[in-house]
Amino acid sequence: MLDREAILQRIDTAYAARTRGDMAALDAMWADDATYQLIGASMLPRVPAGVSDMHEAVGRLIDIFQFHEAERVTAIVEGLRAALHWRITFSTGAASIANTELCDFWEFTPEGKVRSLVQFTDTALLRILLA
């Protein structure tokens, strides 16, 4: 089974790839049936809503939101699940750089692939920036 450090290393690697916009590196991390959900996304234009295919949803998010910096604030790991709090600096196309925070819930397969990712963020801020 993966230990705490291995899980955190995989998540940090995913965020580094996300910041680079490296979809190929991210795709290699997802399980074949991996799912993604951004809570509150149904209110946001162009953003995947509901439980989505991880490959498709993250690709769309990379097209919409460019990450400039990601700082892990807190992490709790229990078994193959992890909850993390992040501070993110990002932009949306022509919009100026903004800061927000994310709360992630990750689940891994025993082989170390990401099975699911559920994220919470300030959807009101995202809505303003996407308007």
N, C-alpha and C. Protein backbone atom coordinates (compact mmCIF):
# COMPACT_ATOMS: atom_id res chain seq x y z
N MET A 1 0.84 -1.18 0.00
CA MET A 1 0.00 0.00 0.00
C MET A 1 0.89 1.25 0.00
N LEU A 2 0.40 2.28 -0.62
CA LEU A 2 1.12 3.55 -0.62
C LEU A 2 1.15 4.13 0.79
N ASP A 3 2.27 4.74 1.14
CA ASP A 3 2.32 5.41 2.43
C ASP A 3 2.04 6.91 2.25
N ARG A 4 1.98 7.62 3.34
CA ARG A 4 1.65 9.05 3.34
C ARG A 4 2.58 9.84 2.42
N GLU A 5 3.89 9.62 2.54
CA GLU A 5 4.84 10.39 1.73
C GLU A 5 4.70 10.10 0.24
N ALA A 6 4.45 8.84 -0.12
CA ALA A 6 4.27 8.50 -1.53
C ALA A 6 3.03 9.17 -2.11
N ILE A 7 1.96 9.20 -1.33
CA ILE A 7 0.73 9.85 -1.80
C ILE A 7 0.95 11.35 -1.96
N LEU A 8 1.57 11.98 -0.98
CA LEU A 8 1.83 13.43 -1.07
C LEU A 8 2.78 13.73 -2.23
N GLN A 9 3.75 12.88 -2.47
CA GLN A 9 4.66 13.08 -3.61
C GLN A 9 3.89 13.02 -4.92
N ARG A 10 2.96 12.07 -5.06
CA ARG A 10 2.17 11.97 -6.28
C ARG A 10 1.30 13.22 -6.48
N ILE A 11 0.72 13.70 -5.40
CA ILE A 11 -0.13 14.90 -5.49
C ILE A 11 0.72 16.12 -5.84
N ASP A 12 1.86 16.28 -5.18
CA ASP A 12 2.76 17.40 -5.51
C ASP A 12 3.21 17.34 -6.96
N THR A 13 3.49 16.13 -7.45
CA THR A 13 3.87 15.94 -8.85
C THR A 13 2.73 16.35 -9.78
N ALA A 14 1.51 15.99 -9.40
CA ALA A 14 0.34 16.38 -10.20
C ALA A 14 0.19 17.90 -10.25
N TYR A 15 0.35 18.56 -9.12
CA TYR A 15 0.23 20.02 -9.11
C TYR A 15 1.35 20.68 -9.89
N ALA A 16 2.55 20.13 -9.86
CA ALA A 16 3.65 20.68 -10.66
C ALA A 16 3.33 20.53 -12.15
N ALA A 17 2.81 19.37 -12.54
CA ALA A 17 2.42 19.17 -13.94
C ALA A 17 1.27 20.09 -14.32
N ARG A 18 0.32 20.28 -13.41
CA ARG A 18 -0.81 21.18 -13.65
C ARG A 18 -0.32 22.60 -13.87
N THR A 19 0.64 23.04 -13.07
CA THR A 19 1.18 24.39 -13.20
C THR A 19 1.91 24.56 -14.53
N ARG A 20 2.57 23.51 -15.00
CA ARG A 20 3.24 23.55 -16.31
C ARG A 20 2.25 23.40 -17.46
N GLY A 21 1.01 22.98 -17.17
CA GLY A 21 0.05 22.70 -18.23
C GLY A 21 0.36 21.41 -18.95
N ASP A 22 1.02 20.48 -18.29
CA ASP A 22 1.50 19.23 -18.89
C ASP A 22 0.43 18.14 -18.79
N MET A 23 -0.48 18.14 -19.74
CA MET A 23 -1.59 17.19 -19.73
C MET A 23 -1.10 15.75 -19.88
N ALA A 24 -0.04 15.51 -20.64
CA ALA A 24 0.48 14.14 -20.82
C ALA A 24 0.96 13.57 -19.48
N ALA A 25 1.67 14.37 -18.70
CA ALA A 25 2.13 13.90 -17.39
C ALA A 25 0.95 13.60 -16.47
N LEU A 26 -0.07 14.45 -16.52
CA LEU A 26 -1.26 14.22 -15.70
C LEU A 26 -2.01 12.97 -16.14
N ASP A 27 -2.20 12.81 -17.44
CA ASP A 27 -2.91 11.63 -17.94
C ASP A 27 -2.25 10.33 -17.48
N ALA A 28 -0.93 10.33 -17.36
CA ALA A 28 -0.22 9.14 -16.92
C ALA A 28 -0.51 8.81 -15.46
N MET A 29 -1.01 9.78 -14.70
CA MET A 29 -1.28 9.58 -13.27
C MET A 29 -2.68 9.06 -12.99
N TRP A 30 -3.61 9.25 -13.93
CA TRP A 30 -5.02 8.91 -13.70
C TRP A 30 -5.27 7.43 -13.97
N ALA A 31 -6.10 6.81 -13.16
CA ALA A 31 -6.62 5.48 -13.46
C ALA A 31 -7.52 5.60 -14.69
N ASP A 32 -7.73 4.50 -15.39
CA ASP A 32 -8.54 4.55 -16.62
C ASP A 32 -9.93 5.09 -16.38
N ASP A 33 -10.53 4.77 -15.23
CA ASP A 33 -11.90 5.21 -14.95
C ASP A 33 -11.94 6.36 -13.94
N ALA A 34 -10.86 7.13 -13.85
CA ALA A 34 -10.76 8.21 -12.87
C ALA A 34 -11.82 9.29 -13.11
N THR A 35 -12.32 9.85 -12.00
CA THR A 35 -13.34 10.90 -12.09
C THR A 35 -12.87 12.17 -11.40
N TYR A 36 -13.46 13.28 -11.85
CA TYR A 36 -13.16 14.61 -11.31
C TYR A 36 -14.48 15.33 -11.06
N GLN A 37 -14.50 16.11 -10.00
CA GLN A 37 -15.67 16.94 -9.73
C GLN A 37 -15.23 18.23 -9.06
N LEU A 38 -15.67 19.36 -9.63
CA LEU A 38 -15.50 20.67 -9.00
C LEU A 38 -16.85 21.04 -8.42
N ILE A 39 -16.93 21.11 -7.11
CA ILE A 39 -18.20 21.38 -6.45
C ILE A 39 -18.64 22.81 -6.79
N GLY A 40 -19.89 22.95 -7.21
CA GLY A 40 -20.44 24.25 -7.59
C GLY A 40 -20.21 24.60 -9.05
N ALA A 41 -19.56 23.71 -9.81
CA ALA A 41 -19.20 24.02 -11.19
C ALA A 41 -20.39 24.21 -12.11
N SER A 42 -21.54 23.68 -11.76
CA SER A 42 -22.70 23.81 -12.66
C SER A 42 -23.10 25.27 -12.84
N MET A 43 -22.63 26.14 -11.95
CA MET A 43 -22.93 27.55 -12.04
C MET A 43 -21.93 28.30 -12.92
N LEU A 44 -20.88 27.63 -13.37
CA LEU A 44 -19.79 28.31 -14.06
C LEU A 44 -19.79 27.99 -15.55
N PRO A 45 -19.67 29.03 -16.39
CA PRO A 45 -19.60 28.78 -17.83
C PRO A 45 -18.32 28.05 -18.21
N ARG A 46 -18.41 27.10 -19.12
CA ARG A 46 -17.29 26.36 -19.70
C ARG A 46 -16.60 25.40 -18.77
N VAL A 47 -16.96 25.36 -17.49
CA VAL A 47 -16.28 24.52 -16.51
C VAL A 47 -17.05 23.21 -16.37
N PRO A 48 -16.33 22.07 -16.37
CA PRO A 48 -17.01 20.77 -16.22
C PRO A 48 -17.89 20.74 -14.97
N ALA A 49 -19.10 20.27 -15.14
CA ALA A 49 -20.07 20.20 -14.04
C ALA A 49 -20.35 18.74 -13.68
N GLY A 50 -20.63 18.50 -12.42
CA GLY A 50 -20.94 17.15 -11.98
C GLY A 50 -19.70 16.27 -12.00
N VAL A 51 -19.91 14.99 -11.82
CA VAL A 51 -18.80 14.04 -11.87
C VAL A 51 -18.45 13.83 -13.33
N SER A 52 -17.19 14.07 -13.67
CA SER A 52 -16.73 14.02 -15.06
C SER A 52 -15.56 13.06 -15.20
N ASP A 53 -15.31 12.65 -16.43
CA ASP A 53 -14.12 11.88 -16.76
C ASP A 53 -12.89 12.74 -16.45
N MET A 54 -11.96 12.22 -15.67
CA MET A 54 -10.79 12.98 -15.24
C MET A 54 -9.99 13.52 -16.42
N HIS A 55 -9.75 12.70 -17.43
CA HIS A 55 -8.93 13.10 -18.57
C HIS A 55 -9.55 14.32 -19.27
N GLU A 56 -10.83 14.24 -19.54
CA GLU A 56 -11.52 15.32 -20.25
C GLU A 56 -11.64 16.57 -19.38
N ALA A 57 -12.06 16.40 -18.14
CA ALA A 57 -12.31 17.55 -17.26
C ALA A 57 -11.03 18.34 -16.99
N VAL A 58 -9.95 17.66 -16.67
CA VAL A 58 -8.71 18.37 -16.36
C VAL A 58 -8.16 19.05 -17.61
N GLY A 59 -8.30 18.42 -18.76
CA GLY A 59 -7.89 19.07 -20.00
C GLY A 59 -8.64 20.37 -20.24
N ARG A 60 -9.94 20.35 -19.99
CA ARG A 60 -10.74 21.58 -20.14
C ARG A 60 -10.33 22.63 -19.14
N LEU A 61 -10.07 22.23 -17.90
CA LEU A 61 -9.66 23.19 -16.87
C LEU A 61 -8.30 23.82 -17.19
N ILE A 62 -7.38 23.04 -17.73
CA ILE A 62 -6.08 23.59 -18.12
C ILE A 62 -6.27 24.64 -19.22
N ASP A 63 -7.22 24.41 -20.12
CA ASP A 63 -7.49 25.39 -21.18
C ASP A 63 -8.07 26.69 -20.62
N ILE A 64 -8.81 26.61 -19.52
CA ILE A 64 -9.49 27.77 -18.96
C ILE A 64 -8.64 28.49 -17.92
N PHE A 65 -8.01 27.75 -17.01
CA PHE A 65 -7.29 28.33 -15.88
C PHE A 65 -5.81 27.99 -15.96
N GLN A 66 -4.97 29.00 -16.02
CA GLN A 66 -3.52 28.78 -15.98
C GLN A 66 -3.05 28.96 -14.55
N PHE A 67 -2.44 27.92 -13.98
CA PHE A 67 -1.86 28.02 -12.65
C PHE A 67 -0.47 28.63 -12.77
N HIS A 68 -0.16 29.57 -11.89
CA HIS A 68 1.16 30.18 -11.85
C HIS A 68 1.95 29.69 -10.64
N GLU A 69 1.25 29.41 -9.56
CA GLU A 69 1.89 28.94 -8.35
C GLU A 69 0.88 28.15 -7.52
N ALA A 70 1.35 27.10 -6.88
CA ALA A 70 0.50 26.30 -5.99
C ALA A 70 1.29 26.01 -4.73
N GLU A 71 0.73 26.39 -3.59
CA GLU A 71 1.38 26.16 -2.31
C GLU A 71 0.50 25.24 -1.46
N ARG A 72 1.04 24.09 -1.10
CA ARG A 72 0.31 23.18 -0.22
C ARG A 72 0.36 23.74 1.20
N VAL A 73 -0.83 23.92 1.81
CA VAL A 73 -0.93 24.48 3.15
C VAL A 73 -1.03 23.37 4.19
N THR A 74 -1.94 22.44 3.98
CA THR A 74 -2.20 21.38 4.94
C THR A 74 -2.53 20.10 4.18
N ALA A 75 -2.16 18.97 4.75
CA ALA A 75 -2.49 17.69 4.14
C ALA A 75 -2.80 16.66 5.23
N ILE A 76 -3.86 15.91 4.98
CA ILE A 76 -4.23 14.78 5.84
C ILE A 76 -4.32 13.57 4.93
N VAL A 77 -3.62 12.51 5.29
CA VAL A 77 -3.64 11.28 4.50
C VAL A 77 -4.08 10.14 5.40
N GLU A 78 -5.05 9.38 4.90
CA GLU A 78 -5.54 8.21 5.62
C GLU A 78 -5.74 7.10 4.60
N GLY A 79 -4.93 6.07 4.70
CA GLY A 79 -5.02 4.98 3.73
C GLY A 79 -4.72 5.49 2.34
N LEU A 80 -5.63 5.22 1.40
CA LEU A 80 -5.46 5.65 0.01
C LEU A 80 -6.20 6.95 -0.29
N ARG A 81 -6.55 7.69 0.74
CA ARG A 81 -7.27 8.96 0.56
C ARG A 81 -6.48 10.10 1.20
N ALA A 82 -6.63 11.28 0.59
CA ALA A 82 -5.94 12.45 1.11
C ALA A 82 -6.84 13.67 0.97
N ALA A 83 -6.76 14.56 1.95
CA ALA A 83 -7.45 15.85 1.92
C ALA A 83 -6.38 16.93 2.03
N LEU A 84 -6.41 17.88 1.09
CA LEU A 84 -5.38 18.91 1.07
C LEU A 84 -6.00 20.29 0.92
N HIS A 85 -5.32 21.27 1.51
CA HIS A 85 -5.68 22.68 1.39
C HIS A 85 -4.53 23.35 0.62
N TRP A 86 -4.88 24.10 -0.43
CA TRP A 86 -3.90 24.76 -1.29
C TRP A 86 -4.17 26.25 -1.39
N ARG A 87 -3.11 27.03 -1.62
CA ARG A 87 -3.22 28.42 -2.06
C ARG A 87 -2.71 28.44 -3.50
N ILE A 88 -3.52 29.03 -4.38
CA ILE A 88 -3.23 29.00 -5.81
C ILE A 88 -3.17 30.43 -6.35
N THR A 89 -2.21 30.69 -7.20
CA THR A 89 -2.16 31.91 -8.00
C THR A 89 -2.43 31.47 -9.43
N PHE A 90 -3.42 32.09 -10.08
CA PHE A 90 -3.86 31.63 -11.40
C PHE A 90 -4.37 32.81 -12.22
N SER A 91 -4.63 32.53 -13.49
CA SER A 91 -5.27 33.51 -14.37
C SER A 91 -6.19 32.78 -15.33
N THR A 92 -7.07 33.55 -15.95
CA THR A 92 -8.01 33.00 -16.93
C THR A 92 -7.90 33.83 -18.21
N GLY A 93 -7.11 33.35 -19.14
CA GLY A 93 -6.97 34.06 -20.40
C GLY A 93 -6.51 35.49 -20.20
N ALA A 94 -7.37 36.44 -20.60
CA ALA A 94 -7.02 37.86 -20.53
C ALA A 94 -7.18 38.44 -19.13
N ALA A 95 -7.80 37.70 -18.22
CA ALA A 95 -8.01 38.22 -16.87
C ALA A 95 -6.68 38.36 -16.13
N SER A 96 -6.64 39.30 -15.22
CA SER A 96 -5.42 39.49 -14.44
C SER A 96 -5.23 38.31 -13.49
N ILE A 97 -4.05 38.25 -12.92
CA ILE A 97 -3.72 37.17 -11.99
C ILE A 97 -4.54 37.32 -10.72
N ALA A 98 -5.04 36.18 -10.23
CA ALA A 98 -5.86 36.15 -9.02
C ALA A 98 -5.33 35.08 -8.08
N ASN A 99 -5.76 35.16 -6.84
CA ASN A 99 -5.42 34.17 -5.83
C ASN A 99 -6.69 33.55 -5.30
N THR A 100 -6.63 32.26 -5.01
CA THR A 100 -7.75 31.57 -4.38
C THR A 100 -7.20 30.41 -3.57
N GLU A 101 -8.10 29.71 -2.93
CA GLU A 101 -7.72 28.52 -2.18
C GLU A 101 -8.55 27.35 -2.66
N LEU A 102 -7.96 26.18 -2.61
CA LEU A 102 -8.63 24.95 -3.00
C LEU A 102 -8.61 23.97 -1.84
N CYS A 103 -9.64 23.16 -1.75
CA CYS A 103 -9.65 22.02 -0.86
C CYS A 103 -9.88 20.80 -1.75
N ASP A 104 -8.94 19.88 -1.74
CA ASP A 104 -8.98 18.69 -2.59
C ASP A 104 -9.21 17.45 -1.75
N PHE A 105 -9.98 16.52 -2.33
CA PHE A 105 -10.12 15.18 -1.77
C PHE A 105 -9.70 14.19 -2.85
N TRP A 106 -8.59 13.52 -2.63
CA TRP A 106 -7.99 12.58 -3.57
C TRP A 106 -8.24 11.15 -3.10
N GLU A 107 -8.44 10.26 -4.07
CA GLU A 107 -8.48 8.83 -3.77
C GLU A 107 -7.60 8.12 -4.79
N PHE A 108 -6.77 7.19 -4.31
CA PHE A 108 -5.82 6.47 -5.14
C PHE A 108 -6.17 4.99 -5.22
N THR A 109 -5.73 4.35 -6.29
CA THR A 109 -5.80 2.90 -6.39
C THR A 109 -4.60 2.33 -5.62
N PRO A 110 -4.63 1.04 -5.28
CA PRO A 110 -3.46 0.44 -4.61
C PRO A 110 -2.18 0.53 -5.45
N GLU A 111 -2.33 0.66 -6.77
CA GLU A 111 -1.17 0.77 -7.66
C GLU A 111 -0.62 2.18 -7.75
N GLY A 112 -1.28 3.14 -7.10
CA GLY A 112 -0.78 4.51 -7.08
C GLY A 112 -1.38 5.44 -8.12
N LYS A 113 -2.39 4.98 -8.84
CA LYS A 113 -3.07 5.85 -9.81
C LYS A 113 -4.18 6.63 -9.10
N VAL A 114 -4.50 7.80 -9.62
CA VAL A 114 -5.57 8.60 -9.03
C VAL A 114 -6.91 8.05 -9.49
N ARG A 115 -7.75 7.67 -8.54
CA ARG A 115 -9.08 7.14 -8.83
C ARG A 115 -10.11 8.27 -8.92
N SER A 116 -10.00 9.26 -8.01
CA SER A 116 -10.94 10.39 -8.05
C SER A 116 -10.32 11.61 -7.38
N LEU A 117 -10.81 12.76 -7.83
CA LEU A 117 -10.43 14.05 -7.26
C LEU A 117 -11.68 14.91 -7.19
N VAL A 118 -11.99 15.39 -5.99
CA VAL A 118 -13.10 16.32 -5.77
C VAL A 118 -12.49 17.60 -5.23
N GLN A 119 -12.83 18.74 -5.86
CA GLN A 119 -12.27 20.02 -5.44
C GLN A 119 -13.36 20.99 -5.04
N PHE A 120 -13.03 21.78 -4.03
CA PHE A 120 -13.87 22.89 -3.58
C PHE A 120 -13.04 24.16 -3.73
N THR A 121 -13.65 25.23 -4.24
CA THR A 121 -12.96 26.51 -4.37
C THR A 121 -13.98 27.64 -4.33
N ASP A 122 -13.52 28.85 -4.46
CA ASP A 122 -14.37 30.04 -4.46
C ASP A 122 -15.01 30.18 -5.85
N THR A 123 -16.13 29.53 -6.04
CA THR A 123 -16.78 29.56 -7.36
C THR A 123 -17.33 30.94 -7.69
N ALA A 124 -17.61 31.77 -6.68
CA ALA A 124 -18.06 33.15 -6.95
C ALA A 124 -16.92 33.93 -7.63
N LEU A 125 -15.70 33.76 -7.16
CA LEU A 125 -14.56 34.42 -7.81
C LEU A 125 -14.39 33.91 -9.23
N LEU A 126 -14.48 32.61 -9.42
CA LEU A 126 -14.33 32.04 -10.78
C LEU A 126 -15.39 32.58 -11.71
N ARG A 127 -16.60 32.71 -11.22
CA ARG A 127 -17.70 33.22 -12.04
C ARG A 127 -17.41 34.65 -12.50
N ILE A 128 -16.90 35.48 -11.59
CA ILE A 128 -16.55 36.86 -11.94
C ILE A 128 -15.46 36.87 -13.00
N LEU A 129 -14.44 36.07 -12.82
CA LEU A 129 -13.31 36.06 -13.76
C LEU A 129 -13.69 35.49 -15.13
N LEU A 130 -14.69 34.62 -15.17
CA LEU A 130 -15.11 34.02 -16.44
C LEU A 130 -16.21 34.83 -17.15
N ALA A 131 -16.72 35.86 -16.47
CA ALA A 131 -17.81 36.66 -17.06
C ALA A 131 -17.31 37.50 -18.22
